[in-house]
Amino acid sequence: FLTGLFLAMHYTSDIETAFSSVVHICRDVNYGWLIRNMHANGASFFFICLYMHIARGLYYGSYLFVETWNIGVVLFLLVMMTSFVGYVLPWGQMS
């Protein structure tokens, strides 16, 4: 969360300058390359934890608690949509 906030302070979503702002973060911001890598690896670790949590629920039969399971599915879909907006769409602007 914190690394995303630091990255957002330097990122511009304009179609002309999006890629340049990522280059700026990596080259000109103090430890920008480290913040970007920590953000990417932290997000990957977060999703690995989510998948392990879902697998644990499947293994122990928690899906039988339908209301609780459905709330978890909705939360998981919201997280996936948020990550799509924060990752895929900016890279679409830069391509």
Protein backbone atom coordinates (compact mmCIF):
# COMPACT_ATOMS: atom_id res chain seq x y z
CA PHE A 1 0.00 0.00 0.00
CA LEU A 2 2.68 2.46 0.99
CA THR A 3 4.85 1.76 -2.06
CA GLY A 4 1.85 2.34 -4.34
CA LEU A 5 1.30 5.72 -2.72
CA PHE A 6 4.93 6.69 -3.32
CA LEU A 7 4.73 5.52 -6.93
CA ALA A 8 1.48 7.41 -7.49
CA MET A 9 3.15 10.65 -6.39
CA HIS A 10 5.49 10.47 -9.40
CA TYR A 11 3.33 8.69 -12.00
CA THR A 12 1.39 10.59 -14.67
CA SER A 13 -1.37 8.84 -16.57
CA ASP A 14 -1.26 11.09 -19.61
CA ILE A 15 -0.94 9.08 -22.82
CA GLU A 16 2.14 11.08 -23.88
CA THR A 17 4.08 10.97 -20.61
CA ALA A 18 3.05 7.71 -18.89
CA PHE A 19 6.08 5.69 -19.96
CA SER A 20 8.42 8.61 -19.33
CA SER A 21 7.11 8.92 -15.78
CA VAL A 22 7.95 5.26 -15.09
CA VAL A 23 11.45 5.85 -16.46
CA HIS A 24 11.65 8.96 -14.25
CA ILE A 25 10.67 6.90 -11.20
CA CYS A 26 13.35 4.28 -11.90
CA ARG A 27 16.15 6.70 -12.78
CA ASP A 28 15.58 10.03 -11.04
CA VAL A 29 13.66 9.31 -7.83
CA ASN A 30 15.84 8.29 -4.90
CA TYR A 31 15.50 4.51 -4.60
CA GLY A 32 12.65 4.63 -7.14
CA TRP A 33 13.81 1.35 -8.68
CA LEU A 34 13.65 -0.26 -5.22
CA ILE A 35 10.17 1.13 -4.49
CA ARG A 36 8.92 -0.16 -7.86
CA ASN A 37 10.39 -3.62 -7.29
CA MET A 38 9.07 -3.79 -3.72
CA HIS A 39 5.63 -2.82 -4.98
CA ALA A 40 5.63 -5.48 -7.70
CA ASN A 41 6.96 -8.23 -5.43
CA GLY A 42 4.64 -7.23 -2.59
CA ALA A 43 1.63 -7.39 -4.90
CA SER A 44 2.70 -10.82 -6.15
CA PHE A 45 3.14 -12.05 -2.58
CA PHE A 46 -0.29 -10.64 -1.66
CA PHE A 47 -1.94 -12.59 -4.47
CA ILE A 48 -0.05 -15.76 -3.55
CA CYS A 49 -1.43 -15.37 -0.02
CA LEU A 50 -4.95 -14.89 -1.43
CA TYR A 51 -4.67 -18.03 -3.54
CA MET A 52 -3.35 -20.03 -0.57
CA HIS A 53 -6.25 -18.75 1.55
CA ILE A 54 -8.75 -19.86 -1.11
CA ALA A 55 -7.02 -23.25 -1.42
CA ARG A 56 -7.20 -23.70 2.34
CA GLY A 57 -10.92 -22.94 2.24
CA LEU A 58 -11.43 -25.49 -0.51
CA TYR A 59 -9.37 -28.12 1.32
CA TYR A 60 -11.23 -27.73 4.62
CA GLY A 61 -14.68 -27.41 3.02
CA SER A 62 -15.34 -23.81 4.01
CA TYR A 63 -17.32 -23.37 0.80
CA LEU A 64 -20.19 -25.08 2.61
CA PHE A 65 -20.74 -21.83 4.51
CA VAL A 66 -22.38 -20.31 1.44
CA GLU A 67 -22.95 -16.77 2.69
CA THR A 68 -19.42 -16.38 4.03
CA TRP A 69 -17.93 -17.97 0.91
CA ASN A 70 -19.93 -15.65 -1.39
CA ILE A 71 -18.74 -12.59 0.53
CA GLY A 72 -15.18 -13.82 0.08
CA VAL A 73 -15.74 -14.32 -3.64
CA VAL A 74 -17.08 -10.77 -3.96
CA LEU A 75 -14.09 -9.39 -2.05
CA PHE A 76 -11.72 -11.41 -4.22
CA LEU A 77 -13.35 -10.09 -7.40
CA LEU A 78 -13.11 -6.52 -6.08
CA VAL A 79 -9.40 -7.01 -5.40
CA MET A 80 -8.91 -8.41 -8.91
CA MET A 81 -10.77 -5.47 -10.46
CA THR A 82 -8.74 -2.98 -8.45
CA SER A 83 -5.47 -4.59 -9.49
CA PHE A 84 -6.63 -4.55 -13.12
CA VAL A 85 -7.31 -0.83 -12.94
CA GLY A 86 -3.98 -0.17 -11.22
CA TYR A 87 -1.77 -2.39 -13.38
CA VAL A 88 -3.21 -3.26 -16.78
CA LEU A 89 -4.76 0.09 -17.64
CA PRO A 90 -1.64 2.22 -16.98
CA TRP A 91 0.47 -0.14 -19.10
CA GLY A 92 -2.13 0.20 -21.84
CA GLN A 93 -1.58 3.95 -21.74
CA MET A 94 2.17 3.45 -22.08
CA SER A 95 2.05 1.11 -25.06
